[in-house]
Amino acid sequence: MNIILISNKSARAKKITLTGIHFTLIISALLFIVMMLSLSLNFFSLRYADSVEAPLLRTLLVNPQEERHQKDQMHMHDNLNVMAAKLGQMQAQLLRLDALGGRLAETSGIDPQDFLFSELPGQGGAHPALHAEAMTFSEFDEKLHELSYMLDERTEVLGALDSFLRGDRLTKRVMPSSMPVDTDWYSSGYGYRIDPITGKRAFHQGVDFAAKAGTPIKAAAGGVVVYSDHHAEYGNMVEIDHGDDLVSRYAHASKRLVNLGQVVLQGQKIAEVGSTGRSTGAHLHFEIRHKGKPQNPSRFLKRPG
């Protein structure tokens, strides 16, 4: 490209020839100037934005920085609120787990003091200056969610175990397994025997416990009294329904201490030993029936020792 310069003071015209190299240098210089102006403006906005007195210029420089800072603060504030709510839920879960752990320890016969549920477990490790790295916000959030998941999982497992143990304990309480009198031997067992009154072979539907008159008779398990009256053959008799068609019978008592429909607990005194009805002496005749059929009490009763 040729550029011709003509001047009134000079009779000769001047010619300037521009090649591709000249154009490249000019464009490079312009780009360099623009880049330097941009960097200078950015430095000026960051360094002197607070000291600028011109309202318009201050608005142009400060507003973008403030908007970006406010967005970052709002985002962090929202994340902190979410994490605080999650932390509150985890604290509530820990309280429930402490209570559940104490109940499980008590149910299983373990001393809760062995686990110190109300105290933090002892921990140790290397010196903090060794291999110490600051945790990022995202790493902390990830660990928080991981811990929350672990708490949910442990709560479900311990809850299922607690239900199982409570159900097992309840089953034991309603199973007629406790000795009805304080003795560890039968005066007459279950099955065929010689009837003490007729002298003939007959089937004995329960077991007899020889004891002094007035000896306390206790419920072999918890349940509802479904019979408490005088029977022609059994004398003063009490029957307790334990559920699942399982009934225990206490006969020949001298005195009945419970009424029809009363709820009794395992080991509760319900009568006193006597010799009423078809009896040859003071003793307790004890039966266990399932769906009306007699069962061998020795399969249920747990003798002392």
Protein backbone atom coordinates (compact mmCIF):
# COMPACT_ATOMS: atom_id res chain seq x y z
CA MET A 1 0.00 0.00 0.00
CA ASN A 2 1.30 3.48 -0.99
CA ILE A 3 0.33 6.62 0.91
CA ILE A 4 1.02 9.97 -0.90
CA LEU A 5 1.35 13.08 1.26
CA ILE A 6 0.86 16.50 -0.42
CA SER A 7 1.77 19.74 1.37
CA ASN A 8 1.18 23.45 0.37
CA LYS A 9 4.64 24.32 1.62
CA SER A 10 6.37 21.77 -0.49
CA ALA A 11 6.15 21.38 -4.23
CA ARG A 12 7.13 17.75 -4.06
CA ALA A 13 4.76 15.05 -2.90
CA LYS A 14 5.93 12.47 -0.38
CA LYS A 15 5.13 8.82 -0.73
CA ILE A 16 5.01 6.26 2.09
CA THR A 17 4.91 2.60 1.26
CA LEU A 18 3.23 0.22 3.85
CA THR A 19 3.95 -3.45 3.60
CA GLY A 20 2.35 -6.43 5.40
CA ILE A 21 4.97 -6.22 8.13
CA HIS A 22 3.96 -2.62 8.87
CA PHE A 23 0.30 -3.61 9.18
CA THR A 24 1.20 -6.46 11.53
CA LEU A 25 3.22 -4.17 13.76
CA ILE A 26 0.47 -1.54 13.87
CA ILE A 27 -2.23 -4.07 14.79
CA SER A 28 0.05 -5.65 17.44
CA ALA A 29 0.71 -2.24 18.94
CA LEU A 30 -3.02 -1.46 19.05
CA LEU A 31 -3.80 -4.80 20.72
CA PHE A 32 -1.01 -4.24 23.25
CA ILE A 33 -2.37 -0.77 24.07
CA VAL A 34 -5.90 -2.15 24.53
CA MET A 35 -4.65 -4.98 26.76
CA MET A 36 -2.63 -2.59 28.91
CA LEU A 37 -5.60 -0.28 29.28
CA SER A 38 -7.77 -3.21 30.37
CA LEU A 39 -5.24 -4.41 32.93
CA SER A 40 -4.79 -0.87 34.22
CA LEU A 41 -8.55 -0.41 34.54
CA ASN A 42 -8.94 -3.72 36.35
CA PHE A 43 -6.10 -2.88 38.76
CA PHE A 44 -7.54 0.57 39.32
CA SER A 45 -11.00 -0.84 40.05
CA LEU A 46 -9.63 -3.31 42.59
CA ARG A 47 -7.08 -1.02 44.23
CA TYR A 48 -8.79 2.38 44.27
CA ALA A 49 -12.49 1.58 43.94
CA ASP A 50 -13.19 2.58 47.54
CA SER A 51 -11.45 5.94 47.19
CA VAL A 52 -13.11 7.04 43.94
CA GLU A 53 -15.28 10.12 44.56
CA ALA A 54 -16.98 10.36 41.16
CA PRO A 55 -20.44 8.77 41.63
CA LEU A 56 -20.79 7.52 38.07
CA LEU A 57 -17.32 6.04 37.91
CA ARG A 58 -17.69 4.59 41.39
CA THR A 59 -20.96 2.91 40.33
CA LEU A 60 -19.31 1.40 37.27
CA LEU A 61 -16.34 0.10 39.27
CA VAL A 62 -17.86 -0.96 42.55
CA ASN A 63 -21.25 -2.44 41.59
CA PRO A 64 -19.90 -5.46 39.68
CA GLN A 65 -17.59 -6.30 42.58
CA GLU A 66 -20.34 -5.92 45.16
CA GLU A 67 -22.79 -7.99 43.14
CA ARG A 68 -20.29 -10.80 42.77
CA HIS A 69 -19.42 -10.62 46.48
CA GLN A 70 -23.10 -10.60 47.48
CA LYS A 71 -23.82 -13.62 45.29
CA ASP A 72 -20.91 -15.50 46.87
CA GLN A 73 -22.10 -14.54 50.36
CA MET A 74 -25.71 -15.61 49.62
CA HIS A 75 -24.54 -18.92 48.19
CA MET A 76 -22.35 -19.59 51.23
CA HIS A 77 -25.15 -18.51 53.61
CA ASP A 78 -27.61 -20.90 51.94
CA ASN A 79 -25.12 -23.75 52.15
CA LEU A 80 -24.44 -23.01 55.82
CA ASN A 81 -28.18 -23.02 56.58
CA VAL A 82 -28.56 -26.41 54.91
CA MET A 83 -25.56 -27.79 56.78
CA ALA A 84 -26.81 -26.35 60.09
CA ALA A 85 -30.19 -28.04 59.59
CA LYS A 86 -28.47 -31.32 58.75
CA LEU A 87 -26.25 -30.96 61.83
CA GLY A 88 -29.34 -30.43 64.02
CA GLN A 89 -30.91 -33.60 62.62
CA MET A 90 -27.72 -35.54 63.30
CA GLN A 91 -27.61 -34.28 66.91
CA ALA A 92 -31.20 -35.47 67.42
CA GLN A 93 -30.27 -38.83 65.88
CA LEU A 94 -27.30 -39.15 68.24
CA LEU A 95 -29.55 -38.50 71.26
CA ARG A 96 -31.93 -41.21 70.08
CA LEU A 97 -29.03 -43.60 69.48
CA ASP A 98 -27.69 -42.93 73.01
CA ALA A 99 -31.09 -43.71 74.50
CA LEU A 100 -31.51 -46.75 72.29
CA GLY A 101 -28.02 -47.99 73.14
CA GLY A 102 -28.74 -47.68 76.85
CA ARG A 103 -32.01 -49.58 76.48
CA LEU A 104 -30.35 -52.32 74.44
CA ALA A 105 -27.59 -52.66 77.02
CA GLU A 106 -30.18 -52.94 79.78
CA THR A 107 -32.25 -55.46 77.80
CA SER A 108 -29.26 -57.66 77.06
CA GLY A 109 -27.99 -57.49 80.64
CA ILE A 110 -24.91 -55.39 79.85
CA ASP A 111 -23.95 -52.57 82.19
CA PRO A 112 -24.54 -49.28 80.27
CA GLN A 113 -21.54 -47.78 82.11
CA ASP A 114 -19.28 -50.09 80.13
CA PHE A 115 -20.09 -48.11 76.99
CA LEU A 116 -20.31 -44.56 78.43
CA PHE A 117 -23.05 -43.45 76.06
CA SER A 118 -23.09 -39.94 77.57
CA GLU A 119 -19.36 -39.32 76.96
CA LEU A 120 -17.25 -38.91 73.86
CA PRO A 121 -14.97 -41.89 73.11
CA GLY A 122 -11.24 -41.34 73.59
CA GLN A 123 -9.26 -40.74 70.42
CA GLY A 124 -5.66 -40.04 69.46
CA GLY A 125 -3.38 -39.64 66.46
CA ALA A 126 -0.22 -38.10 65.06
CA HIS A 127 0.95 -34.56 65.82
CA PRO A 128 -1.39 -32.06 64.09
CA ALA A 129 1.54 -30.42 62.31
CA LEU A 130 2.30 -33.67 60.48
CA HIS A 131 0.41 -34.18 57.23
CA ALA A 132 -2.15 -31.53 58.26
CA GLU A 133 -4.34 -30.32 55.40
CA ALA A 134 -7.22 -27.89 55.54
CA MET A 135 -10.57 -29.41 54.55
CA THR A 136 -12.38 -27.68 51.71
CA PHE A 137 -16.03 -26.68 51.92
CA SER A 138 -17.07 -29.37 49.43
CA GLU A 139 -15.09 -32.06 51.29
CA PHE A 140 -16.72 -31.05 54.57
CA ASP A 141 -20.19 -31.19 52.99
CA GLU A 142 -19.42 -34.63 51.55
CA LYS A 143 -18.25 -35.94 54.95
CA LEU A 144 -21.37 -34.51 56.59
CA HIS A 145 -23.67 -36.35 54.17
CA GLU A 146 -21.63 -39.55 54.60
CA LEU A 147 -21.94 -39.35 58.40
CA SER A 148 -25.68 -38.65 58.13
CA TYR A 149 -26.13 -41.76 55.97
CA MET A 150 -24.20 -43.86 58.49
CA LEU A 151 -26.37 -42.56 61.34
CA ASP A 152 -29.55 -43.43 59.44
CA GLU A 153 -28.26 -46.93 58.76
CA ARG A 154 -27.20 -47.53 62.39
CA THR A 155 -30.56 -46.21 63.65
CA GLU A 156 -32.47 -48.67 61.47
CA VAL A 157 -30.29 -51.63 62.51
CA LEU A 158 -30.42 -50.83 66.23
CA GLY A 159 -34.17 -50.14 66.02
CA ALA A 160 -34.77 -53.56 64.47
CA LEU A 161 -32.58 -55.20 67.14
CA ASP A 162 -34.44 -53.35 69.90
CA SER A 163 -37.81 -54.51 68.54
CA PHE A 164 -36.56 -58.08 68.39
CA LEU A 165 -35.23 -58.03 71.96
CA ARG A 166 -38.39 -56.40 73.32
CA GLY A 167 -40.54 -58.93 71.51
CA ASP A 168 -38.43 -61.76 72.86
CA ARG A 169 -38.64 -60.34 76.38
CA LEU A 170 -42.41 -59.91 76.07
CA THR A 171 -42.75 -63.49 74.86
CA LYS A 172 -40.86 -64.72 77.91
CA ARG A 173 -43.12 -62.73 80.22
CA VAL A 174 -46.32 -64.23 78.78
CA MET A 175 -44.90 -67.75 78.52
CA PRO A 176 -45.85 -69.77 81.66
CA SER A 177 -42.27 -70.58 82.60
CA SER A 178 -42.02 -69.32 86.18
CA MET A 179 -42.52 -71.81 89.05
CA PRO A 180 -45.98 -71.27 90.60
CA VAL A 181 -44.76 -72.20 94.11
CA ASP A 182 -41.37 -71.99 95.79
CA THR A 183 -40.28 -75.58 95.33
CA ASP A 184 -38.16 -77.51 92.85
CA TRP A 185 -39.83 -80.94 92.81
CA TYR A 186 -43.12 -82.56 91.82
CA SER A 187 -45.10 -84.76 94.18
CA SER A 188 -46.91 -86.18 91.15
CA GLY A 189 -45.90 -85.85 87.53
CA TYR A 190 -47.69 -85.49 84.22
CA GLY A 191 -49.08 -88.61 82.50
CA TYR A 192 -50.53 -91.96 83.51
CA ARG A 193 -50.44 -92.85 87.23
CA ILE A 194 -52.42 -94.69 89.91
CA ASP A 195 -55.22 -92.38 91.03
CA PRO A 196 -54.74 -91.75 94.81
CA ILE A 197 -58.50 -91.83 95.45
CA THR A 198 -59.81 -94.63 93.17
CA GLY A 199 -56.60 -96.67 93.06
CA LYS A 200 -57.04 -97.16 89.32
CA ARG A 201 -54.74 -96.22 86.44
CA ALA A 202 -55.69 -92.76 85.16
CA PHE A 203 -54.14 -89.93 83.15
CA HIS A 204 -52.89 -87.00 85.25
CA GLN A 205 -53.30 -83.83 83.18
CA GLY A 206 -50.90 -81.69 85.21
CA VAL A 207 -48.30 -81.80 87.96
CA ASP A 208 -48.72 -81.60 91.73
CA PHE A 209 -46.54 -79.55 94.06
CA ALA A 210 -46.71 -80.59 97.72
CA ALA A 211 -46.66 -77.51 99.97
CA LYS A 212 -48.02 -76.30 103.26
CA ALA A 213 -51.51 -74.78 103.35
CA GLY A 214 -51.29 -71.04 102.89
CA THR A 215 -48.15 -71.16 100.73
CA PRO A 216 -48.36 -68.39 98.06
CA ILE A 217 -49.37 -69.50 94.56
CA LYS A 218 -47.87 -67.22 91.88
CA ALA A 219 -48.77 -66.65 88.24
CA ALA A 220 -46.42 -68.60 85.99
CA ALA A 221 -46.70 -65.78 83.45
CA GLY A 222 -48.62 -62.57 82.82
CA GLY A 223 -52.12 -62.69 81.41
CA VAL A 224 -55.83 -62.23 82.06
CA VAL A 225 -57.81 -64.20 84.66
CA VAL A 226 -60.50 -66.13 82.77
CA TYR A 227 -61.68 -68.29 85.70
CA SER A 228 -61.71 -67.66 89.43
CA ASP A 229 -64.32 -69.77 91.21
CA HIS A 230 -64.99 -73.01 93.05
CA HIS A 231 -64.94 -76.16 90.92
CA ALA A 232 -66.54 -79.47 91.95
CA GLU A 233 -63.33 -81.48 91.36
CA TYR A 234 -60.59 -78.84 91.36
CA GLY A 235 -61.90 -76.92 94.37
CA ASN A 236 -60.87 -73.24 94.42
CA MET A 237 -59.38 -72.80 90.94
CA VAL A 238 -57.84 -69.96 88.94
CA GLU A 239 -57.16 -69.97 85.20
CA ILE A 240 -55.03 -67.37 83.39
CA ASP A 241 -55.09 -66.81 79.63
CA HIS A 242 -51.63 -65.91 78.28
CA GLY A 243 -52.64 -65.45 74.65
CA ASP A 244 -52.17 -67.71 71.64
CA ASP A 245 -54.71 -70.16 73.17
CA LEU A 246 -52.33 -70.86 76.07
CA VAL A 247 -53.92 -71.16 79.54
CA SER A 248 -52.44 -72.07 82.94
CA ARG A 249 -54.61 -73.65 85.69
CA TYR A 250 -54.08 -73.51 89.48
CA ALA A 251 -56.33 -75.86 91.52
CA HIS A 252 -57.18 -76.98 95.10
CA ALA A 253 -56.34 -73.53 96.54
CA SER A 254 -57.48 -72.59 100.02
CA LYS A 255 -57.99 -68.98 98.98
CA ARG A 256 -58.34 -67.14 95.66
CA LEU A 257 -56.89 -63.60 95.50
CA VAL A 258 -57.79 -62.51 91.94
CA ASN A 259 -61.05 -61.83 90.16
CA LEU A 260 -62.42 -62.68 86.73
CA GLY A 261 -61.04 -60.33 84.05
CA GLN A 262 -58.14 -59.09 86.18
CA VAL A 263 -54.75 -58.58 84.53
CA VAL A 264 -51.91 -60.25 86.42
CA LEU A 265 -48.14 -60.13 86.04
CA GLN A 266 -45.64 -62.94 86.08
CA GLY A 267 -44.78 -63.86 89.68
CA GLN A 268 -47.85 -62.08 91.13
CA LYS A 269 -49.55 -63.87 94.06
CA ILE A 270 -52.95 -65.11 92.86
CA ALA A 271 -53.96 -67.69 95.52
CA GLU A 272 -52.80 -69.79 98.46
CA VAL A 273 -52.15 -73.55 98.63
CA GLY A 274 -54.96 -75.66 100.10
CA SER A 275 -56.79 -78.98 99.79
CA THR A 276 -60.18 -78.07 98.38
CA GLY A 277 -62.09 -80.21 95.89
CA ARG A 278 -60.95 -83.73 95.02
CA SER A 279 -57.73 -83.80 97.04
CA THR A 280 -55.98 -85.97 99.65
CA GLY A 281 -53.91 -83.16 101.19
CA ALA A 282 -52.49 -79.67 100.82
CA HIS A 283 -50.89 -79.26 97.42
CA LEU A 284 -51.09 -77.27 94.17
CA HIS A 285 -52.35 -78.96 91.04
CA PHE A 286 -50.88 -77.05 88.07
CA GLU A 287 -51.85 -77.48 84.42
CA ILE A 288 -50.94 -75.85 81.11
CA ARG A 289 -53.44 -76.15 78.25
CA HIS A 290 -53.11 -75.20 74.61
CA LYS A 291 -56.36 -74.93 72.66
CA GLY A 292 -58.04 -76.83 75.51
CA LYS A 293 -55.63 -79.77 75.41
CA PRO A 294 -53.33 -80.50 78.37
CA GLN A 295 -49.57 -80.05 77.88
CA ASN A 296 -46.66 -81.33 79.95
CA PRO A 297 -45.81 -78.41 82.31
CA SER A 298 -42.19 -79.58 82.61
CA ARG A 299 -41.67 -78.40 78.99
CA PHE A 300 -42.46 -74.83 80.08
CA LEU A 301 -41.40 -74.44 83.71
CA LYS A 302 -37.90 -73.36 84.62
CA ARG A 303 -36.92 -74.79 87.97
CA PRO A 304 -34.73 -72.73 90.35
CA GLY A 305 -31.03 -73.27 89.78
